[in-house]
PDB file of all heavy atoms in Angstrom:
ATOM      1  N   GLN A   1       0.817  -1.219   0.000  1.00  0.00           N
ATOM      2  CA  GLN A   1       0.000   0.000   0.000  1.00  0.00           C
ATOM      3  C   GLN A   1       0.849   1.266   0.000  1.00  0.00           C
ATOM      4  O   GLN A   1       0.327   2.362   0.105  1.00  0.00           O
ATOM      5  CB  GLN A   1      -0.929   0.008   1.211  1.00  0.00           C
ATOM      6  CG  GLN A   1      -1.974  -1.069   1.164  1.00  0.00           C
ATOM      7  CD  GLN A   1      -2.812  -1.119   2.431  1.00  0.00           C
ATOM      8  OE1 GLN A   1      -2.477  -0.520   3.457  1.00  0.00           O
ATOM      9  NE2 GLN A   1      -3.920  -1.838   2.359  1.00  0.00           N
ATOM     10  N   SER A   2       2.162   1.099  -0.102  1.00  0.00           N
ATOM     11  CA  SER A   2       3.124   2.213  -0.106  1.00  0.00           C
ATOM     12  C   SER A   2       3.048   3.054   1.163  1.00  0.00           C
ATOM     13  O   SER A   2       3.313   4.252   1.138  1.00  0.00           O
ATOM     14  CB  SER A   2       2.935   3.091  -1.345  1.00  0.00           C
ATOM     15  OG  SER A   2       3.182   2.342  -2.503  1.00  0.00           O
ATOM     16  N   LYS A   3       2.668   2.438   2.262  1.00  0.00           N
ATOM     17  CA  LYS A   3       2.641   3.129   3.548  1.00  0.00           C
ATOM     18  C   LYS A   3       3.966   2.973   4.285  1.00  0.00           C
ATOM     19  O   LYS A   3       4.249   3.730   5.206  1.00  0.00           O
ATOM     20  CB  LYS A   3       1.505   2.597   4.422  1.00  0.00           C
ATOM     21  CG  LYS A   3       0.137   2.938   3.895  1.00  0.00           C
ATOM     22  CD  LYS A   3      -0.937   2.435   4.822  1.00  0.00           C
ATOM     23  CE  LYS A   3      -2.317   2.818   4.316  1.00  0.00           C
ATOM     24  NZ  LYS A   3      -3.364   2.337   5.219  1.00  0.00           N
ATOM     25  N   ALA A   4       4.762   1.993   3.894  1.00  0.00           N
ATOM     26  CA  ALA A   4       6.039   1.726   4.552  1.00  0.00           C
ATOM     27  C   ALA A   4       7.095   2.710   4.060  1.00  0.00           C
ATOM     28  O   ALA A   4       7.147   3.044   2.884  1.00  0.00           O
ATOM     29  CB  ALA A   4       6.489   0.303   4.269  1.00  0.00           C
ATOM     30  N   LYS A   5       7.925   3.171   4.973  1.00  0.00           N
ATOM     31  CA  LYS A   5       9.038   4.061   4.634  1.00  0.00           C
ATOM     32  C   LYS A   5      10.379   3.350   4.807  1.00  0.00           C
ATOM     33  O   LYS A   5      11.357   3.688   4.157  1.00  0.00           O
ATOM     34  CB  LYS A   5       9.022   5.303   5.528  1.00  0.00           C
ATOM     35  CG  LYS A   5       7.721   6.060   5.517  1.00  0.00           C
ATOM     36  CD  LYS A   5       7.406   6.606   4.152  1.00  0.00           C
ATOM     37  CE  LYS A   5       6.111   7.409   4.207  1.00  0.00           C
ATOM     38  NZ  LYS A   5       5.262   7.198   3.087  1.00  0.00           N
ATOM     39  N   LEU A   6      10.412   2.368   5.705  1.00  0.00           N
ATOM     40  CA  LEU A   6      11.636   1.618   5.997  1.00  0.00           C
ATOM     41  C   LEU A   6      11.232   0.282   6.598  1.00  0.00           C
ATOM     42  O   LEU A   6      10.301   0.223   7.397  1.00  0.00           O
ATOM     43  CB  LEU A   6      12.497   2.392   7.004  1.00  0.00           C
ATOM     44  CG  LEU A   6      13.772   1.735   7.505  1.00  0.00           C
ATOM     45  CD1 LEU A   6      14.770   1.526   6.378  1.00  0.00           C
ATOM     46  CD2 LEU A   6      14.397   2.595   8.594  1.00  0.00           C
ATOM     47  N   VAL A   7      11.919  -0.800   6.199  1.00  0.00           N
ATOM     48  CA  VAL A   7      11.613  -2.123   6.709  1.00  0.00           C
ATOM     49  C   VAL A   7      12.824  -2.650   7.466  1.00  0.00           C
ATOM     50  O   VAL A   7      13.923  -2.689   6.918  1.00  0.00           O
ATOM     51  CB  VAL A   7      11.242  -3.099   5.561  1.00  0.00           C
ATOM     52  CG1 VAL A   7      10.981  -4.497   6.104  1.00  0.00           C
ATOM     53  CG2 VAL A   7      10.047  -2.596   4.791  1.00  0.00           C
ATOM     54  N   PHE A   8      12.619  -3.014   8.724  1.00  0.00           N
ATOM     55  CA  PHE A   8      13.649  -3.670   9.527  1.00  0.00           C
ATOM     56  C   PHE A   8      13.354  -5.164   9.495  1.00  0.00           C
ATOM     57  O   PHE A   8      12.253  -5.575   9.842  1.00  0.00           O
ATOM     58  CB  PHE A   8      13.605  -3.192  10.985  1.00  0.00           C
ATOM     59  CG  PHE A   8      14.105  -1.791  11.180  1.00  0.00           C
ATOM     60  CD1 PHE A   8      13.211  -0.738  11.256  1.00  0.00           C
ATOM     61  CD2 PHE A   8      15.455  -1.533  11.305  1.00  0.00           C
ATOM     62  CE1 PHE A   8      13.658   0.557  11.446  1.00  0.00           C
ATOM     63  CE2 PHE A   8      15.911  -0.244  11.492  1.00  0.00           C
ATOM     64  CZ  PHE A   8      15.016   0.801  11.561  1.00  0.00           C
ATOM     65  N   ILE A   9      14.347  -5.958   9.107  1.00  0.00           N
ATOM     66  CA  ILE A   9      14.168  -7.403   9.024  1.00  0.00           C
ATOM     67  C   ILE A   9      15.019  -8.059  10.106  1.00  0.00           C
ATOM     68  O   ILE A   9      16.236  -7.901  10.128  1.00  0.00           O
ATOM     69  CB  ILE A   9      14.553  -7.934   7.631  1.00  0.00           C
ATOM     70  CG1 ILE A   9      13.680  -7.255   6.563  1.00  0.00           C
ATOM     71  CG2 ILE A   9      14.419  -9.446   7.575  1.00  0.00           C
ATOM     72  CD1 ILE A   9      14.048  -7.602   5.153  1.00  0.00           C
ATOM     73  N   GLY A  10      14.367  -8.803  10.990  1.00  0.00           N
ATOM     74  CA  GLY A  10      15.058  -9.466  12.089  1.00  0.00           C
ATOM     75  C   GLY A  10      15.926 -10.615  11.616  1.00  0.00           C
ATOM     76  O   GLY A  10      15.681 -11.213  10.571  1.00  0.00           O
ATOM     77  N   GLN A  11      16.940 -10.933  12.391  1.00  0.00           N
ATOM     78  CA  GLN A  11      17.851 -12.018  12.024  1.00  0.00           C
ATOM     79  C   GLN A  11      17.295 -13.384  12.376  1.00  0.00           C
ATOM     80  O   GLN A  11      17.845 -14.395  11.962  1.00  0.00           O
ATOM     81  CB  GLN A  11      19.208 -11.817  12.682  1.00  0.00           C
ATOM     82  CG  GLN A  11      19.175 -11.900  14.197  1.00  0.00           C
ATOM     83  CD  GLN A  11      20.520 -11.575  14.806  1.00  0.00           C
ATOM     84  OE1 GLN A  11      21.400 -11.074  14.139  1.00  0.00           O
ATOM     85  NE2 GLN A  11      20.667 -11.864  16.077  1.00  0.00           N
ATOM     86  N   ASP A  12      16.190 -13.436  13.084  1.00  0.00           N
ATOM     87  CA  ASP A  12      15.651 -14.716  13.537  1.00  0.00           C
ATOM     88  C   ASP A  12      14.450 -15.189  12.719  1.00  0.00           C
ATOM     89  O   ASP A  12      13.774 -16.132  13.102  1.00  0.00           O
ATOM     90  CB  ASP A  12      15.276 -14.641  15.015  1.00  0.00           C
ATOM     91  CG  ASP A  12      14.217 -13.595  15.299  1.00  0.00           C
ATOM     92  OD1 ASP A  12      14.023 -12.704  14.452  1.00  0.00           O
ATOM     93  OD2 ASP A  12      13.603 -13.663  16.367  1.00  0.00           O
ATOM     94  N   ILE A  13      14.190 -14.562  11.569  1.00  0.00           N
ATOM     95  CA  ILE A  13      13.071 -15.015  10.746  1.00  0.00           C
ATOM     96  C   ILE A  13      13.562 -16.046   9.733  1.00  0.00           C
ATOM     97  O   ILE A  13      14.754 -16.138   9.454  1.00  0.00           O
ATOM     98  CB  ILE A  13      12.357 -13.841  10.039  1.00  0.00           C
ATOM     99  CG1 ILE A  13      13.284 -13.120   9.058  1.00  0.00           C
ATOM    100  CG2 ILE A  13      11.792 -12.868  11.044  1.00  0.00           C
ATOM    101  CD1 ILE A  13      12.588 -12.078   8.228  1.00  0.00           C
ATOM    102  N   SER A  14      12.627 -16.788   9.185  1.00  0.00           N
ATOM    103  CA  SER A  14      12.988 -17.851   8.245  1.00  0.00           C
ATOM    104  C   SER A  14      13.540 -17.247   6.950  1.00  0.00           C
ATOM    105  O   SER A  14      13.196 -16.112   6.585  1.00  0.00           O
ATOM    106  CB  SER A  14      11.778 -18.721   7.934  1.00  0.00           C
ATOM    107  OG  SER A  14      10.873 -18.020   7.107  1.00  0.00           O
ATOM    108  N   PRO A  15      14.374 -18.012   6.241  1.00  0.00           N
ATOM    109  CA  PRO A  15      14.913 -17.523   4.960  1.00  0.00           C
ATOM    110  C   PRO A  15      13.811 -17.186   3.941  1.00  0.00           C
ATOM    111  O   PRO A  15      13.941 -16.217   3.193  1.00  0.00           O
ATOM    112  CB  PRO A  15      15.777 -18.677   4.460  1.00  0.00           C
ATOM    113  CG  PRO A  15      16.155 -19.435   5.692  1.00  0.00           C
ATOM    114  CD  PRO A  15      14.977 -19.284   6.624  1.00  0.00           C
ATOM    115  N   LEU A  16      12.736 -17.956   3.941  1.00  0.00           N
ATOM    116  CA  LEU A  16      11.637 -17.686   3.008  1.00  0.00           C
ATOM    117  C   LEU A  16      10.960 -16.347   3.315  1.00  0.00           C
ATOM    118  O   LEU A  16      10.702 -15.545   2.410  1.00  0.00           O
ATOM    119  CB  LEU A  16      10.602 -18.815   3.057  1.00  0.00           C
ATOM    120  CG  LEU A  16       9.406 -18.661   2.118  1.00  0.00           C
ATOM    121  CD1 LEU A  16       9.859 -18.599   0.668  1.00  0.00           C
ATOM    122  CD2 LEU A  16       8.433 -19.795   2.324  1.00  0.00           C
ATOM    123  N   THR A  17      10.701 -16.093   4.587  1.00  0.00           N
ATOM    124  CA  THR A  17      10.088 -14.823   4.987  1.00  0.00           C
ATOM    125  C   THR A  17      11.033 -13.668   4.694  1.00  0.00           C
ATOM    126  O   THR A  17      10.603 -12.615   4.218  1.00  0.00           O
ATOM    127  CB  THR A  17       9.726 -14.850   6.486  1.00  0.00           C
ATOM    128  OG1 THR A  17       8.843 -15.942   6.724  1.00  0.00           O
ATOM    129  CG2 THR A  17       9.052 -13.556   6.908  1.00  0.00           C
ATOM    130  N   GLN A  18      12.313 -13.867   4.968  1.00  0.00           N
ATOM    131  CA  GLN A  18      13.308 -12.829   4.684  1.00  0.00           C
ATOM    132  C   GLN A  18      13.326 -12.505   3.188  1.00  0.00           C
ATOM    133  O   GLN A  18      13.329 -11.337   2.799  1.00  0.00           O
ATOM    134  CB  GLN A  18      14.686 -13.276   5.134  1.00  0.00           C
ATOM    135  CG  GLN A  18      15.752 -12.229   4.928  1.00  0.00           C
ATOM    136  CD  GLN A  18      17.092 -12.658   5.476  1.00  0.00           C
ATOM    137  OE1 GLN A  18      17.214 -13.658   6.163  1.00  0.00           O
ATOM    138  NE2 GLN A  18      18.111 -11.902   5.165  1.00  0.00           N
ATOM    139  N   LYS A  19      13.294 -13.520   2.344  1.00  0.00           N
ATOM    140  CA  LYS A  19      13.283 -13.304   0.894  1.00  0.00           C
ATOM    141  C   LYS A  19      12.018 -12.572   0.461  1.00  0.00           C
ATOM    142  O   LYS A  19      12.066 -11.653  -0.363  1.00  0.00           O
ATOM    143  CB  LYS A  19      13.410 -14.631   0.159  1.00  0.00           C
ATOM    144  CG  LYS A  19      13.439 -14.493  -1.354  1.00  0.00           C
ATOM    145  CD  LYS A  19      13.633 -15.815  -2.028  1.00  0.00           C
ATOM    146  CE  LYS A  19      13.624 -15.779  -3.532  1.00  0.00           C
ATOM    147  NZ  LYS A  19      13.371 -14.588  -4.226  1.00  0.00           N
ATOM    148  N   LYS A  20      10.883 -12.966   1.031  1.00  0.00           N
ATOM    149  CA  LYS A  20       9.608 -12.333   0.696  1.00  0.00           C
ATOM    150  C   LYS A  20       9.641 -10.837   1.018  1.00  0.00           C
ATOM    151  O   LYS A  20       9.260 -10.006   0.189  1.00  0.00           O
ATOM    152  CB  LYS A  20       8.489 -13.014   1.501  1.00  0.00           C
ATOM    153  CG  LYS A  20       7.191 -13.146   0.780  1.00  0.00           C
ATOM    154  CD  LYS A  20       6.084 -13.698   1.656  1.00  0.00           C
ATOM    155  CE  LYS A  20       6.268 -15.155   1.981  1.00  0.00           C
ATOM    156  NZ  LYS A  20       5.108 -15.696   2.721  1.00  0.00           N
ATOM    157  N   LEU A  21      10.096 -10.503   2.220  1.00  0.00           N
ATOM    158  CA  LEU A  21      10.154  -9.101   2.632  1.00  0.00           C
ATOM    159  C   LEU A  21      11.168  -8.314   1.804  1.00  0.00           C
ATOM    160  O   LEU A  21      10.902  -7.180   1.394  1.00  0.00           O
ATOM    161  CB  LEU A  21      10.499  -9.000   4.119  1.00  0.00           C
ATOM    162  CG  LEU A  21       9.423  -9.481   5.089  1.00  0.00           C
ATOM    163  CD1 LEU A  21       9.974  -9.544   6.501  1.00  0.00           C
ATOM    164  CD2 LEU A  21       8.207  -8.578   5.037  1.00  0.00           C
ATOM    165  N   THR A  22      12.311  -8.916   1.546  1.00  0.00           N
ATOM    166  CA  THR A  22      13.344  -8.249   0.753  1.00  0.00           C
ATOM    167  C   THR A  22      12.872  -8.014  -0.675  1.00  0.00           C
ATOM    168  O   THR A  22      13.041  -6.915  -1.221  1.00  0.00           O
ATOM    169  CB  THR A  22      14.643  -9.085   0.757  1.00  0.00           C
ATOM    170  OG1 THR A  22      15.068  -9.256   2.109  1.00  0.00           O
ATOM    171  CG2 THR A  22      15.748  -8.406  -0.020  1.00  0.00           C
ATOM    172  N   ASP A  23      12.272  -9.028  -1.292  1.00  0.00           N
ATOM    173  CA  ASP A  23      11.789  -8.892  -2.666  1.00  0.00           C
ATOM    174  C   ASP A  23      10.710  -7.819  -2.781  1.00  0.00           C
ATOM    175  O   ASP A  23      10.734  -6.991  -3.694  1.00  0.00           O
ATOM    176  CB  ASP A  23      11.256 -10.229  -3.185  1.00  0.00           C
ATOM    177  CG  ASP A  23      12.352 -11.248  -3.441  1.00  0.00           C
ATOM    178  OD1 ASP A  23      13.550 -10.882  -3.411  1.00  0.00           O
ATOM    179  OD2 ASP A  23      12.013 -12.430  -3.647  1.00  0.00           O
ATOM    180  N   LYS A  24       9.755  -7.820  -1.848  1.00  0.00           N
ATOM    181  CA  LYS A  24       8.690  -6.801  -1.873  1.00  0.00           C
ATOM    182  C   LYS A  24       9.277  -5.401  -1.679  1.00  0.00           C
ATOM    183  O   LYS A  24       8.879  -4.448  -2.347  1.00  0.00           O
ATOM    184  CB  LYS A  24       7.648  -7.056  -0.780  1.00  0.00           C
ATOM    185  CG  LYS A  24       6.709  -8.177  -1.079  1.00  0.00           C
ATOM    186  CD  LYS A  24       5.683  -7.799  -2.112  1.00  0.00           C
ATOM    187  CE  LYS A  24       4.710  -8.953  -2.251  1.00  0.00           C
ATOM    188  NZ  LYS A  24       3.879  -8.814  -3.427  1.00  0.00           N
ATOM    189  N   SER A  25      10.227  -5.288  -0.757  1.00  0.00           N
ATOM    190  CA  SER A  25      10.860  -3.984  -0.497  1.00  0.00           C
ATOM    191  C   SER A  25      11.567  -3.477  -1.741  1.00  0.00           C
ATOM    192  O   SER A  25      11.453  -2.298  -2.091  1.00  0.00           O
ATOM    193  CB  SER A  25      11.865  -4.098   0.649  1.00  0.00           C
ATOM    194  OG  SER A  25      11.219  -4.413   1.848  1.00  0.00           O
ATOM    195  N   HIS A  26      12.294  -4.351  -2.419  1.00  0.00           N
ATOM    196  CA  HIS A  26      13.003  -3.939  -3.634  1.00  0.00           C
ATOM    197  C   HIS A  26      12.027  -3.571  -4.741  1.00  0.00           C
ATOM    198  O   HIS A  26      12.223  -2.566  -5.430  1.00  0.00           O
ATOM    199  CB  HIS A  26      13.939  -5.049  -4.108  1.00  0.00           C
ATOM    200  CG  HIS A  26      15.131  -5.224  -3.225  1.00  0.00           C
ATOM    201  ND1 HIS A  26      16.036  -6.239  -3.390  1.00  0.00           N
ATOM    202  CD2 HIS A  26      15.574  -4.533  -2.154  1.00  0.00           C
ATOM    203  CE1 HIS A  26      16.971  -6.158  -2.474  1.00  0.00           C
ATOM    204  NE2 HIS A  26      16.705  -5.130  -1.701  1.00  0.00           N
ATOM    205  N   PHE A  27      10.971  -4.358  -4.911  1.00  0.00           N
ATOM    206  CA  PHE A  27       9.995  -4.098  -5.964  1.00  0.00           C
ATOM    207  C   PHE A  27       9.321  -2.744  -5.770  1.00  0.00           C
ATOM    208  O   PHE A  27       9.134  -1.988  -6.727  1.00  0.00           O
ATOM    209  CB  PHE A  27       8.939  -5.210  -6.014  1.00  0.00           C
ATOM    210  CG  PHE A  27       7.937  -5.027  -7.110  1.00  0.00           C
ATOM    211  CD1 PHE A  27       8.244  -5.386  -8.409  1.00  0.00           C
ATOM    212  CD2 PHE A  27       6.686  -4.487  -6.841  1.00  0.00           C
ATOM    213  CE1 PHE A  27       7.317  -5.210  -9.439  1.00  0.00           C
ATOM    214  CE2 PHE A  27       5.754  -4.308  -7.859  1.00  0.00           C
ATOM    215  CZ  PHE A  27       6.075  -4.675  -9.156  1.00  0.00           C
ATOM    216  N   TYR A  28       8.966  -2.422  -4.527  1.00  0.00           N
ATOM    217  CA  TYR A  28       8.275  -1.163  -4.235  1.00  0.00           C
ATOM    218  C   TYR A  28       9.244  -0.037  -3.878  1.00  0.00           C
ATOM    219  O   TYR A  28       8.830   1.036  -3.463  1.00  0.00           O
ATOM    220  CB  TYR A  28       7.251  -1.361  -3.115  1.00  0.00           C
ATOM    221  CG  TYR A  28       6.039  -2.144  -3.574  1.00  0.00           C
ATOM    222  CD1 TYR A  28       5.963  -3.517  -3.401  1.00  0.00           C
ATOM    223  CD2 TYR A  28       4.976  -1.505  -4.204  1.00  0.00           C
ATOM    224  CE1 TYR A  28       4.854  -4.239  -3.823  1.00  0.00           C
ATOM    225  CE2 TYR A  28       3.866  -2.212  -4.633  1.00  0.00           C
ATOM    226  CZ  TYR A  28       3.810  -3.588  -4.449  1.00  0.00           C
ATOM    227  OH  TYR A  28       2.711  -4.291  -4.878  1.00  0.00           O
ATOM    228  N   LYS A  29      10.548  -0.308  -4.019  1.00  0.00           N
ATOM    229  CA  LYS A  29      11.605   0.687  -3.782  1.00  0.00           C
ATOM    230  C   LYS A  29      11.551   1.275  -2.368  1.00  0.00           C
ATOM    231  O   LYS A  29      11.630   2.488  -2.173  1.00  0.00           O
ATOM    232  CB  LYS A  29      11.562   1.776  -4.838  1.00  0.00           C
ATOM    233  CG  LYS A  29      11.861   1.259  -6.239  1.00  0.00           C
ATOM    234  CD  LYS A  29      11.773   2.354  -7.268  1.00  0.00           C
ATOM    235  CE  LYS A  29      12.140   1.927  -8.654  1.00  0.00           C
ATOM    236  NZ  LYS A  29      11.562   0.734  -9.198  1.00  0.00           N
ATOM    237  N   ILE A  30      11.417   0.392  -1.387  1.00  0.00           N
ATOM    238  CA  ILE A  30      11.409   0.786   0.017  1.00  0.00           C
ATOM    239  C   ILE A  30      12.699   0.271   0.649  1.00  0.00           C
ATOM    240  O   ILE A  30      13.009  -0.918   0.533  1.00  0.00           O
ATOM    241  CB  ILE A  30      10.178   0.214   0.741  1.00  0.00           C
ATOM    242  CG1 ILE A  30       8.911   0.810   0.127  1.00  0.00           C
ATOM    243  CG2 ILE A  30      10.247   0.492   2.239  1.00  0.00           C
ATOM    244  CD1 ILE A  30       7.638   0.173   0.580  1.00  0.00           C
ATOM    245  N   PRO A  31      13.461   1.139   1.294  1.00  0.00           N
ATOM    246  CA  PRO A  31      14.722   0.672   1.898  1.00  0.00           C
ATOM    247  C   PRO A  31      14.459  -0.333   3.014  1.00  0.00           C
ATOM    248  O   PRO A  31      13.463  -0.240   3.729  1.00  0.00           O
ATOM    249  CB  PRO A  31      15.366   1.948   2.439  1.00  0.00           C
ATOM    250  CG  PRO A  31      14.299   2.972   2.465  1.00  0.00           C
ATOM    251  CD  PRO A  31      13.220   2.545   1.517  1.00  0.00           C
ATOM    252  N   GLU A  32      15.380  -1.300   3.138  1.00  0.00           N
ATOM    253  CA  GLU A  32      15.266  -2.289   4.205  1.00  0.00           C
ATOM    254  C   GLU A  32      16.642  -2.547   4.791  1.00  0.00           C
ATOM    255  O   GLU A  32      17.650  -2.312   4.150  1.00  0.00           O
ATOM    256  CB  GLU A  32      14.632  -3.593   3.699  1.00  0.00           C
ATOM    257  CG  GLU A  32      15.067  -4.056   2.335  1.00  0.00           C
ATOM    258  CD  GLU A  32      16.261  -4.984   2.317  1.00  0.00           C
ATOM    259  OE1 GLU A  32      16.680  -5.485   3.364  1.00  0.00           O
ATOM    260  OE2 GLU A  32      16.783  -5.191   1.235  1.00  0.00           O
ATOM    261  N   THR A  33      16.635  -2.986   6.030  1.00  0.00           N
ATOM    262  CA  THR A  33      17.876  -3.320   6.715  1.00  0.00           C
ATOM    263  C   THR A  33      17.683  -4.635   7.441  1.00  0.00           C
ATOM    264  O   THR A  33      16.585  -4.955   7.884  1.00  0.00           O
ATOM    265  CB  THR A  33      18.311  -2.199   7.681  1.00  0.00           C
ATOM    266  OG1 THR A  33      19.569  -2.527   8.225  1.00  0.00           O
ATOM    267  CG2 THR A  33      17.309  -1.976   8.794  1.00  0.00           C
ATOM    268  N   LYS A  34      18.755  -5.411   7.533  1.00  0.00           N
ATOM    269  CA  LYS A  34      18.682  -6.747   8.131  1.00  0.00           C
ATOM    270  C   LYS A  34      19.561  -6.825   9.363  1.00  0.00           C
ATOM    271  O   LYS A  34      20.458  -6.028   9.556  1.00  0.00           O
ATOM    272  CB  LYS A  34      19.146  -7.798   7.126  1.00  0.00           C
ATOM    273  CG  LYS A  34      18.308  -7.861   5.896  1.00  0.00           C
ATOM    274  CD  LYS A  34      18.881  -8.826   4.899  1.00  0.00           C
ATOM    275  CE  LYS A  34      18.093  -8.709   3.607  1.00  0.00           C
ATOM    276  NZ  LYS A  34      18.851  -9.062   2.451  1.00  0.00           N
ATOM    277  N   GLY A  35      19.289  -7.843  10.181  1.00  0.00           N
ATOM    278  CA  GLY A  35      20.184  -8.161  11.274  1.00  0.00           C
ATOM    279  C   GLY A  35      19.783  -7.667  12.641  1.00  0.00           C
ATOM    280  O   GLY A  35      20.564  -7.740  13.566  1.00  0.00           O
TER     281      GLY A  35
END
């Protein structure tokens, strides 16, 4: 919905969830950080 400005991705989530969040962030051009 383009409401996100920044996505923090925890280090304890599954690789599939991490990929999903990262891919969506890149597609919608929203910065994300991991760890």
